[in-house]
């Protein structure tokens, strides 16, 4: 039944993916003022209006593209396919037009509280650097301003989130159109891909959130729906700080889709679940774009008991995210999430931490708290780091009580990266011991629990 490398590795997979919209600022070439065409010696062909000043031309262009984006957003929300297709450049390549038609179809089953675009006209890329295949079709003007998609999933998002879109626009006469969402890839401005870019979406709503999946996943969705609300309640029972208690669970079909949702550099083949967030403001406690993204393959092999631990672990990261500063010790973040995940599961330390038990029996307890770099390793080394972290949290809870464990988390997680001296001070304030004494007590605890 136990699949150690898989079941243990997923427990620590949490990513705070703060998405920054800023890119290298490249100026768009100024449009030269037009001149009247010659109509022959000394005789103009007719009255010619002078071109507007560059800033007025820029404003006109920005207004026109903003209107285009507003019409595109409204068409998607209204499920008006004809209006949506009318925003696309009829001279764009057929592959792009086909992809956009599929996107419209795939979005039909997704309820949104918001879907809009924000144009940042002052952050435009140089279109002369766009690959020829995107510019070969005739147009009067091309423009590549920065665009952000702002959206909120109904039932899952308390506040909207924003993601960057690499859009290239084309003008024919007085009309602007969307020509491509891949033309700027080579310039470093890529379009974010959501689950609707991969397949039709199915959204199932629960009291405390939603499950977003694709057709053909209903058996797994049914399991998730049964476990989601109890998992939210279980986390909220222990975590004392206010949080939204709204969870969006995403079940992609492929590892490529999962990678698009959690980041290109994350080892999606090694995990079963990942908790992500797009934007976190610890001062205001505002967190946008929180998701629990499940592995398309690994999660389906979990038992109900293991799935329950997975969800509670990842939801703990969501609940505590506003109180967690980047740079906080990973052993604390992952150990606490494991503690909540395993709480009331009936799983003993020896059962849930077999690699740690083997280490204690053969070589003795660990000599120090796990370093952050241990959580970037692979396979059994990664499993061991998480098992050690879980055991530390269990030790603190069993020895000092759950309130003390929570207090340690809130103190250290809110401090971020601090010196060893400062860490010792915070531990003494909460537990009455420094790191050295904490490790000694943890070692004695492991010898007794895993003998």
Protein backbone atom coordinates (compact mmCIF):
# COMPACT_ATOMS: atom_id res chain seq x y z
CA UNK A 1 0.00 0.00 0.00
CA UNK A 2 2.79 2.45 0.90
CA UNK A 3 4.54 4.25 -1.96
CA UNK A 4 7.24 6.03 0.02
CA UNK A 5 8.96 8.07 -2.68
CA UNK A 6 5.65 9.36 -3.95
CA UNK A 7 3.57 9.60 -0.80
CA UNK A 8 6.25 11.35 1.24
CA UNK A 9 7.48 13.72 -1.45
CA UNK A 10 4.10 15.28 -2.12
CA UNK A 11 3.72 16.28 1.48
CA UNK A 12 6.20 19.10 1.27
CA UNK A 13 5.39 20.49 -2.14
CA UNK A 14 4.43 24.08 -1.50
CA UNK A 15 5.36 27.01 -3.68
CA UNK A 16 4.72 30.70 -3.04
CA UNK A 17 4.84 31.75 -6.66
CA UNK A 18 4.82 35.52 -6.51
CA UNK A 19 4.30 36.57 -10.12
CA UNK A 20 6.02 39.81 -11.04
CA UNK A 21 4.62 41.62 -14.06
CA UNK A 22 7.67 43.75 -14.76
CA UNK A 23 9.76 43.05 -17.85
CA UNK A 24 12.53 44.92 -19.62
CA UNK A 25 11.08 48.17 -20.84
CA UNK A 26 11.61 48.72 -24.54
CA UNK A 27 10.32 51.83 -26.24
CA UNK A 28 7.98 51.60 -29.20
CA UNK A 29 9.36 53.58 -32.18
CA UNK A 30 7.73 56.97 -32.48
CA UNK A 31 5.51 57.39 -35.53
CA UNK A 32 6.82 60.03 -37.85
CA UNK A 33 4.47 62.87 -38.68
CA UNK A 34 2.84 62.39 -42.06
CA UNK A 35 3.24 64.82 -44.92
CA UNK A 36 0.85 65.66 -47.71
CA UNK A 37 1.40 63.65 -50.90
CA UNK A 38 2.41 65.61 -53.94
CA UNK A 39 -0.29 66.10 -56.57
CA UNK A 40 1.89 67.52 -59.28
CA UNK A 41 3.83 70.73 -59.73
CA UNK A 42 2.38 73.37 -57.45
CA UNK A 43 -1.01 71.68 -57.11
CA UNK A 44 -1.99 69.53 -54.08
CA UNK A 45 -4.37 66.61 -54.56
CA UNK A 46 -6.59 67.88 -51.81
CA UNK A 47 -6.63 68.94 -48.19
CA UNK A 48 -4.63 66.59 -45.97
CA UNK A 49 -5.09 66.63 -42.19
CA UNK A 50 -1.78 66.75 -40.30
CA UNK A 51 -0.97 63.72 -38.17
CA UNK A 52 -1.76 64.20 -34.48
CA UNK A 53 1.12 64.72 -32.07
CA UNK A 54 2.77 61.45 -30.98
CA UNK A 55 1.26 61.51 -27.49
CA UNK A 56 -2.24 61.96 -28.91
CA UNK A 57 -1.62 59.11 -31.37
CA UNK A 58 -0.45 56.91 -28.50
CA UNK A 59 -3.56 57.75 -26.48
CA UNK A 60 -5.81 56.95 -29.43
CA UNK A 61 -4.09 53.62 -29.95
CA UNK A 62 -4.27 52.75 -26.25
CA UNK A 63 -7.97 53.66 -26.12
CA UNK A 64 -8.71 51.52 -29.17
CA UNK A 65 -6.86 48.47 -27.82
CA UNK A 66 -8.42 48.91 -24.39
CA UNK A 67 -11.83 48.88 -26.08
CA UNK A 68 -10.82 45.73 -27.96
CA UNK A 69 -9.80 44.01 -24.72
CA UNK A 70 -13.01 45.09 -23.02
CA UNK A 71 -15.06 43.61 -25.85
CA UNK A 72 -13.04 40.41 -25.70
CA UNK A 73 -13.62 40.10 -21.94
CA UNK A 74 -17.34 40.83 -22.24
CA UNK A 75 -17.72 38.27 -25.02
CA UNK A 76 -16.13 35.60 -22.85
CA UNK A 77 -18.29 36.41 -19.85
CA UNK A 78 -21.44 36.58 -22.01
CA UNK A 79 -20.52 33.38 -23.91
CA UNK A 80 -20.88 35.35 -27.14
CA UNK A 81 -18.67 33.49 -29.60
CA UNK A 82 -19.35 35.78 -32.54
CA UNK A 83 -18.30 38.86 -30.55
CA UNK A 84 -15.23 37.02 -29.27
CA UNK A 85 -14.09 35.95 -32.74
CA UNK A 86 -14.60 39.50 -34.00
CA UNK A 87 -11.71 40.64 -31.78
CA UNK A 88 -9.25 38.34 -33.57
CA UNK A 89 -7.17 39.45 -36.52
CA UNK A 90 -8.71 37.83 -39.63
CA UNK A 91 -5.21 37.78 -41.13
CA UNK A 92 -3.68 35.89 -38.20
CA UNK A 93 -2.40 32.39 -38.87
CA UNK A 94 -5.01 29.65 -38.75
CA UNK A 95 -3.31 27.84 -35.88
CA UNK A 96 -3.84 30.85 -33.61
CA UNK A 97 -7.45 31.29 -34.70
CA UNK A 98 -8.17 27.60 -34.08
CA UNK A 99 -6.55 27.77 -30.63
CA UNK A 100 -8.67 30.79 -29.75
CA UNK A 101 -11.86 29.04 -30.83
CA UNK A 102 -10.94 26.11 -28.57
CA UNK A 103 -10.17 28.51 -25.73
CA UNK A 104 -13.64 30.02 -26.01
CA UNK A 105 -15.23 26.54 -25.91
CA UNK A 106 -13.05 25.40 -23.01
CA UNK A 107 -14.08 28.40 -20.89
CA UNK A 108 -17.81 27.76 -21.25
CA UNK A 109 -18.07 25.72 -18.05
CA UNK A 110 -16.09 28.08 -15.81
CA UNK A 111 -18.00 30.60 -13.65
CA UNK A 112 -16.13 33.88 -13.11
CA UNK A 113 -16.76 36.76 -10.77
CA UNK A 114 -14.38 38.77 -12.92
CA UNK A 115 -12.52 38.48 -16.22
CA UNK A 116 -10.93 41.67 -17.49
CA UNK A 117 -7.70 42.98 -18.96
CA UNK A 118 -5.37 45.77 -17.89
CA UNK A 119 -3.33 47.49 -20.58
CA UNK A 120 0.04 48.99 -19.66
CA UNK A 121 0.76 51.08 -22.71
CA UNK A 122 4.02 52.49 -21.35
CA UNK A 123 5.57 49.01 -21.31
CA UNK A 124 5.63 48.10 -25.00
CA UNK A 125 8.13 45.85 -26.75
CA UNK A 126 9.89 46.70 -30.01
CA UNK A 127 7.81 44.98 -32.70
CA UNK A 128 10.75 45.03 -35.11
CA UNK A 129 12.14 42.16 -33.03
CA UNK A 130 9.01 40.01 -33.40
CA UNK A 131 9.67 36.90 -35.56
CA UNK A 132 8.75 37.37 -39.23
CA UNK A 133 6.09 34.67 -39.25
CA UNK A 134 3.92 36.86 -37.01
CA UNK A 135 4.48 40.06 -38.97
CA UNK A 136 4.41 38.84 -42.58
CA UNK A 137 0.64 39.32 -42.94
CA UNK A 138 -0.09 42.86 -44.03
CA UNK A 139 -1.21 45.35 -41.42
CA UNK A 140 -1.07 49.10 -41.00
CA UNK A 141 0.50 48.90 -37.57
CA UNK A 142 1.63 46.36 -34.98
CA UNK A 143 1.81 47.01 -31.24
CA UNK A 144 3.04 44.90 -28.30
CA UNK A 145 2.07 46.61 -25.03
CA UNK A 146 2.05 44.79 -21.71
CA UNK A 147 -1.33 43.25 -20.87
CA UNK A 148 -2.45 41.60 -17.63
CA UNK A 149 -5.41 39.26 -17.31
CA UNK A 150 -7.38 39.91 -14.13
CA UNK A 151 -9.78 37.14 -13.14
CA UNK A 152 -11.57 35.60 -10.17
CA UNK A 153 -13.08 32.12 -10.06
CA UNK A 154 -16.56 32.18 -8.55
CA UNK A 155 -16.68 30.06 -5.42
CA UNK A 156 -12.90 29.86 -5.15
CA UNK A 157 -11.34 33.33 -5.26
CA UNK A 158 -12.09 35.94 -2.64
CA UNK A 159 -10.12 38.57 -4.57
CA UNK A 160 -9.10 38.62 -8.25
CA UNK A 161 -5.61 37.66 -9.36
CA UNK A 162 -3.55 38.88 -12.30
CA UNK A 163 -1.40 37.01 -14.82
CA UNK A 164 0.66 38.36 -17.75
CA UNK A 165 -0.48 37.90 -21.34
CA UNK A 166 1.97 38.23 -24.23
CA UNK A 167 -0.36 39.81 -26.78
CA UNK A 168 0.54 41.23 -30.19
CA UNK A 169 -2.05 43.57 -31.73
CA UNK A 170 -2.52 44.54 -35.37
CA UNK A 171 -4.32 47.52 -36.91
CA UNK A 172 -6.12 47.43 -40.25
CA UNK A 173 -7.35 50.90 -41.17
CA UNK A 174 -9.12 52.14 -38.01
CA UNK A 175 -9.70 48.73 -36.40
CA UNK A 176 -7.41 46.94 -33.93
CA UNK A 177 -7.32 43.15 -33.52
CA UNK A 178 -5.48 40.54 -31.48
CA UNK A 179 -3.01 38.86 -33.83
CA UNK A 180 -1.06 36.45 -31.58
CA UNK A 181 -0.45 35.35 -28.00
CA UNK A 182 2.86 33.60 -28.76
CA UNK A 183 4.68 36.15 -30.94
CA UNK A 184 6.45 37.69 -27.95
CA UNK A 185 7.73 34.43 -26.46
CA UNK A 186 11.23 34.94 -27.85
CA UNK A 187 11.29 38.45 -26.37
CA UNK A 188 10.66 37.14 -22.87
CA UNK A 189 6.99 38.04 -22.61
CA UNK A 190 4.94 34.85 -22.49
CA UNK A 191 1.22 34.40 -22.20
CA UNK A 192 0.16 32.68 -18.99
CA UNK A 193 -1.75 29.47 -19.63
CA UNK A 194 -4.67 28.45 -17.44
CA UNK A 195 -6.40 25.08 -17.39
CA UNK A 196 -8.81 26.34 -20.09
CA UNK A 197 -5.89 26.55 -22.50
CA UNK A 198 -5.54 22.76 -22.38
CA UNK A 199 -9.03 21.24 -22.42
CA UNK A 200 -12.69 21.96 -21.65
CA UNK A 201 -13.14 22.76 -17.97
CA UNK A 202 -15.59 21.33 -15.46
CA UNK A 203 -16.13 23.16 -12.16
CA UNK A 204 -17.66 21.43 -9.14
CA UNK A 205 -18.61 23.64 -6.21
CA UNK A 206 -18.53 22.75 -2.51
CA UNK A 207 -19.26 24.78 0.59
CA UNK A 208 -15.62 25.82 0.98
CA UNK A 209 -14.34 25.92 -2.56
CA UNK A 210 -14.29 24.48 -6.03
CA UNK A 211 -12.65 21.63 -7.92
CA UNK A 212 -11.64 22.57 -11.46
CA UNK A 213 -11.03 19.56 -13.70
CA UNK A 214 -11.51 18.28 -17.25
CA UNK A 215 -14.02 15.78 -18.68
CA UNK A 216 -13.17 12.19 -17.85
CA UNK A 217 -11.98 12.88 -14.30
CA UNK A 218 -15.31 12.48 -12.48
CA UNK A 219 -14.32 9.56 -10.21
CA UNK A 220 -11.34 11.53 -8.89
CA UNK A 221 -13.42 14.70 -8.65
CA UNK A 222 -16.00 12.85 -6.54
CA UNK A 223 -13.27 11.84 -4.08
CA UNK A 224 -11.94 15.38 -3.90
CA UNK A 225 -15.38 16.87 -3.36
CA UNK A 226 -16.01 14.51 -0.44
CA UNK A 227 -12.71 15.46 1.22
CA UNK A 228 -12.43 19.18 0.48
CA UNK A 229 -14.86 20.66 3.01
CA UNK A 230 -13.84 18.38 5.90
CA UNK A 231 -10.20 19.23 5.16
CA UNK A 232 -10.89 22.97 5.30
CA UNK A 233 -12.72 22.55 8.58
CA UNK A 234 -9.91 20.41 10.02
CA UNK A 235 -7.29 23.02 9.19
CA UNK A 236 -9.42 25.87 10.52
CA UNK A 237 -9.97 23.97 13.75
CA UNK A 238 -6.25 24.16 14.49
CA UNK A 239 -5.10 27.31 12.73
CA UNK A 240 -6.26 30.26 14.85
CA UNK A 241 -5.72 33.13 12.42
CA UNK A 242 -8.48 34.36 10.14
CA UNK A 243 -8.27 33.17 6.54
CA UNK A 244 -10.70 32.94 3.64
CA UNK A 245 -11.59 29.25 4.08
CA UNK A 246 -12.05 29.16 0.30
CA UNK A 247 -9.95 26.66 -1.64
CA UNK A 248 -9.53 26.16 -5.37
CA UNK A 249 -8.34 22.67 -6.27
CA UNK A 250 -7.09 22.12 -9.82
CA UNK A 251 -6.80 18.67 -11.37
CA UNK A 252 -4.81 18.94 -14.63
CA UNK A 253 -4.77 16.21 -17.25
CA UNK A 254 -1.05 16.25 -18.05
CA UNK A 255 2.28 17.09 -16.46
CA UNK A 256 2.66 19.86 -19.05
CA UNK A 257 -0.53 21.49 -17.83
CA UNK A 258 0.56 21.12 -14.22
CA UNK A 259 3.89 22.75 -15.05
CA UNK A 260 2.06 25.69 -16.64
CA UNK A 261 0.03 26.15 -13.44
CA UNK A 262 2.88 25.88 -10.91
CA UNK A 263 5.91 27.13 -12.83
CA UNK A 264 8.28 25.78 -15.49
CA UNK A 265 11.14 24.98 -13.12
CA UNK A 266 9.19 22.98 -10.56
CA UNK A 267 9.80 19.19 -10.59
CA UNK A 268 6.19 18.21 -11.20
CA UNK A 269 7.11 14.56 -11.76
CA UNK A 270 8.28 14.32 -8.14
CA UNK A 271 5.19 15.57 -6.33
CA UNK A 272 1.54 14.76 -5.95
CA UNK A 273 0.31 18.22 -4.93
CA UNK A 274 1.54 21.81 -4.88
CA UNK A 275 0.14 24.86 -3.10
CA UNK A 276 0.70 28.08 -5.05
CA UNK A 277 -0.15 31.75 -4.74
CA UNK A 278 0.26 34.52 -7.31
CA UNK A 279 0.56 37.52 -5.00
CA UNK A 280 0.93 37.90 -1.22
CA UNK A 281 0.78 41.07 0.85
CA UNK A 282 1.70 40.12 4.40
CA UNK A 283 0.93 43.61 5.71
CA UNK A 284 -2.67 43.64 4.51
CA UNK A 285 -3.00 39.83 4.63
CA UNK A 286 -4.23 39.84 1.03
CA UNK A 287 -3.42 36.68 -0.91
CA UNK A 288 -4.43 36.30 -4.57
CA UNK A 289 -4.46 33.29 -6.84
CA UNK A 290 -4.15 30.59 -4.20
CA UNK A 291 -4.49 27.11 -5.67
CA UNK A 292 -3.92 23.50 -4.74
CA UNK A 293 -2.69 21.88 -7.93
CA UNK A 294 -2.72 18.09 -8.02
CA UNK A 295 -0.54 15.77 -10.04
CA UNK A 296 -2.53 14.20 -12.90
CA UNK A 297 -1.01 10.77 -12.22
CA UNK A 298 0.25 10.63 -8.65
CA UNK A 299 -2.93 11.76 -6.89
CA UNK A 300 -5.03 9.03 -8.49
CA UNK A 301 -2.89 6.37 -6.84
CA UNK A 302 -3.51 7.62 -3.31
CA UNK A 303 -5.77 5.93 -0.83
CA UNK A 304 -8.54 7.98 0.73
CA UNK A 305 -6.46 8.30 3.91
CA UNK A 306 -3.43 9.55 1.98
CA UNK A 307 -5.54 11.95 -0.08
CA UNK A 308 -6.94 13.37 3.14
CA UNK A 309 -3.42 14.04 4.44
CA UNK A 310 -2.42 15.61 1.11
CA UNK A 311 -5.32 18.05 1.09
CA UNK A 312 -4.92 19.05 4.72
CA UNK A 313 -1.20 19.59 4.27
CA UNK A 314 -1.64 21.83 1.22
CA UNK A 315 -4.63 23.69 2.66
CA UNK A 316 -2.51 24.45 5.74
CA UNK A 317 -0.09 26.30 3.47
CA UNK A 318 -3.01 28.32 2.09
CA UNK A 319 -4.41 29.12 5.52
CA UNK A 320 -1.05 30.24 6.91
CA UNK A 321 0.26 31.99 3.80
CA UNK A 322 -0.62 35.52 4.88
CA UNK A 323 1.31 34.91 8.11
CA UNK A 324 4.33 33.41 6.35
CA UNK A 325 7.18 35.55 5.05
CA UNK A 326 9.46 34.30 2.29
CA UNK A 327 12.75 33.05 3.70
CA UNK A 328 11.17 31.33 6.70
CA UNK A 329 12.86 28.02 7.63
CA UNK A 330 11.51 25.24 5.44
CA UNK A 331 11.66 22.66 8.22
CA UNK A 332 9.14 24.75 10.12
CA UNK A 333 6.77 25.39 7.19
CA UNK A 334 6.70 21.81 5.96
CA UNK A 335 6.83 20.20 9.37
CA UNK A 336 3.84 22.20 10.56
CA UNK A 337 1.85 21.41 7.39
CA UNK A 338 2.66 17.72 7.84
CA UNK A 339 1.57 17.91 11.45
CA UNK A 340 -1.83 19.29 10.46
CA UNK A 341 -2.10 16.80 7.61
CA UNK A 342 -1.44 13.80 9.83
CA UNK A 343 -3.33 15.10 12.83
CA UNK A 344 -6.12 12.68 13.80
CA UNK A 345 -5.04 10.25 11.06
CA UNK A 346 -3.92 7.55 13.47
CA UNK A 347 -0.59 7.24 11.62
CA UNK A 348 2.30 6.74 14.03
CA UNK A 349 5.67 8.41 13.58
CA UNK A 350 7.27 5.08 12.70
CA UNK A 351 4.61 4.39 10.06
CA UNK A 352 4.75 7.84 8.48
CA UNK A 353 8.52 8.33 8.70
CA UNK A 354 10.15 5.02 7.73
CA UNK A 355 13.34 6.61 6.38
CA UNK A 356 13.82 8.58 9.58
CA UNK A 357 13.16 5.47 11.67
CA UNK A 358 15.86 3.62 9.71
CA UNK A 359 18.29 6.51 10.21
CA UNK A 360 17.68 6.58 13.96
CA UNK A 361 18.11 2.81 14.32
CA UNK A 362 21.27 2.60 12.22
CA UNK A 363 23.06 5.92 12.71
CA UNK A 364 21.27 7.68 15.52
CA UNK A 365 19.08 10.81 15.39
CA UNK A 366 19.93 13.74 13.11
CA UNK A 367 22.59 16.08 14.48
CA UNK A 368 20.84 19.28 13.44
CA UNK A 369 17.62 20.73 12.10
CA UNK A 370 17.14 20.12 8.34
CA UNK A 371 18.68 22.82 6.15
CA UNK A 372 16.66 24.46 3.39
CA UNK A 373 18.85 22.90 0.71
CA UNK A 374 17.75 19.44 1.85
CA UNK A 375 14.28 20.23 0.48
CA UNK A 376 15.72 20.76 -2.98
CA UNK A 377 17.15 17.24 -3.13
CA UNK A 378 15.46 14.24 -4.71
CA UNK A 379 13.83 10.93 -3.83
CA UNK A 380 14.81 9.43 -0.45
CA UNK A 381 16.88 12.43 0.64
CA UNK A 382 13.91 14.68 0.07
CA UNK A 383 11.60 12.25 1.85
CA UNK A 384 13.98 12.17 4.82
CA UNK A 385 14.00 15.97 5.07
CA UNK A 386 10.20 16.06 5.25
CA UNK A 387 10.04 13.20 7.72
CA UNK A 388 12.52 14.97 9.98
CA UNK A 389 10.49 18.17 9.78
CA UNK A 390 7.26 16.39 10.63
CA UNK A 391 8.92 14.72 13.60
CA UNK A 392 10.13 18.09 14.92
CA UNK A 393 6.59 19.45 14.81
CA UNK A 394 5.29 16.33 16.55
CA UNK A 395 7.97 16.64 19.19
CA UNK A 396 7.09 20.27 19.93
CA UNK A 397 3.34 19.50 20.06
CA UNK A 398 3.77 16.40 22.23
CA UNK A 399 6.21 18.11 24.60
CA UNK A 400 4.96 21.70 24.77
CA UNK A 401 1.42 21.43 23.39
CA UNK A 402 -0.24 22.39 20.10
CA UNK A 403 -0.60 26.03 21.12
CA UNK A 404 3.17 26.22 21.55
CA UNK A 405 3.69 24.66 18.11
CA UNK A 406 1.38 27.25 16.56
CA UNK A 407 3.15 30.02 18.47
CA UNK A 408 6.53 28.84 17.15
CA UNK A 409 5.19 28.83 13.62
CA UNK A 410 3.69 32.30 13.87
CA UNK A 411 6.85 33.72 15.44
CA UNK A 412 9.43 32.23 13.07
CA UNK A 413 7.34 32.22 9.89
CA UNK A 414 6.56 35.92 10.28
CA UNK A 415 10.25 36.76 10.71
CA UNK A 416 11.53 35.22 7.48
CA UNK A 417 15.28 34.82 7.06
CA UNK A 418 16.93 35.84 10.34
CA UNK A 419 20.24 35.13 12.04
CA UNK A 420 20.89 32.10 14.22
CA UNK A 421 21.06 34.41 17.23
CA UNK A 422 17.64 35.87 16.46
CA UNK A 423 16.20 32.39 15.91
CA UNK A 424 17.50 31.33 19.32
CA UNK A 425 15.91 34.37 20.91
CA UNK A 426 12.50 33.68 19.34
CA UNK A 427 12.61 30.00 20.35
CA UNK A 428 13.47 30.95 23.93
CA UNK A 429 10.58 33.43 23.99
CA UNK A 430 8.09 30.73 22.97
CA UNK A 431 9.51 27.42 24.18
CA UNK A 432 12.13 28.47 26.70
CA UNK A 433 14.93 26.75 24.76
CA UNK A 434 17.36 27.70 22.02
CA UNK A 435 18.09 25.66 18.87
CA UNK A 436 20.72 23.50 20.56
CA UNK A 437 18.36 22.54 23.38
CA UNK A 438 15.54 22.01 20.88
CA UNK A 439 17.69 19.58 18.91
CA UNK A 440 18.74 17.69 22.05
CA UNK A 441 15.16 17.27 23.15
CA UNK A 442 14.12 16.21 19.63
CA UNK A 443 16.89 13.61 19.54
CA UNK A 444 15.76 12.09 22.83
CA UNK A 445 12.18 12.08 21.55
CA UNK A 446 13.20 10.22 18.37
CA UNK A 447 15.21 7.61 20.29
CA UNK A 448 12.16 6.83 22.38
CA UNK A 449 9.53 7.00 19.64
CA UNK A 450 11.50 5.09 16.99
CA UNK A 451 13.38 2.55 19.08
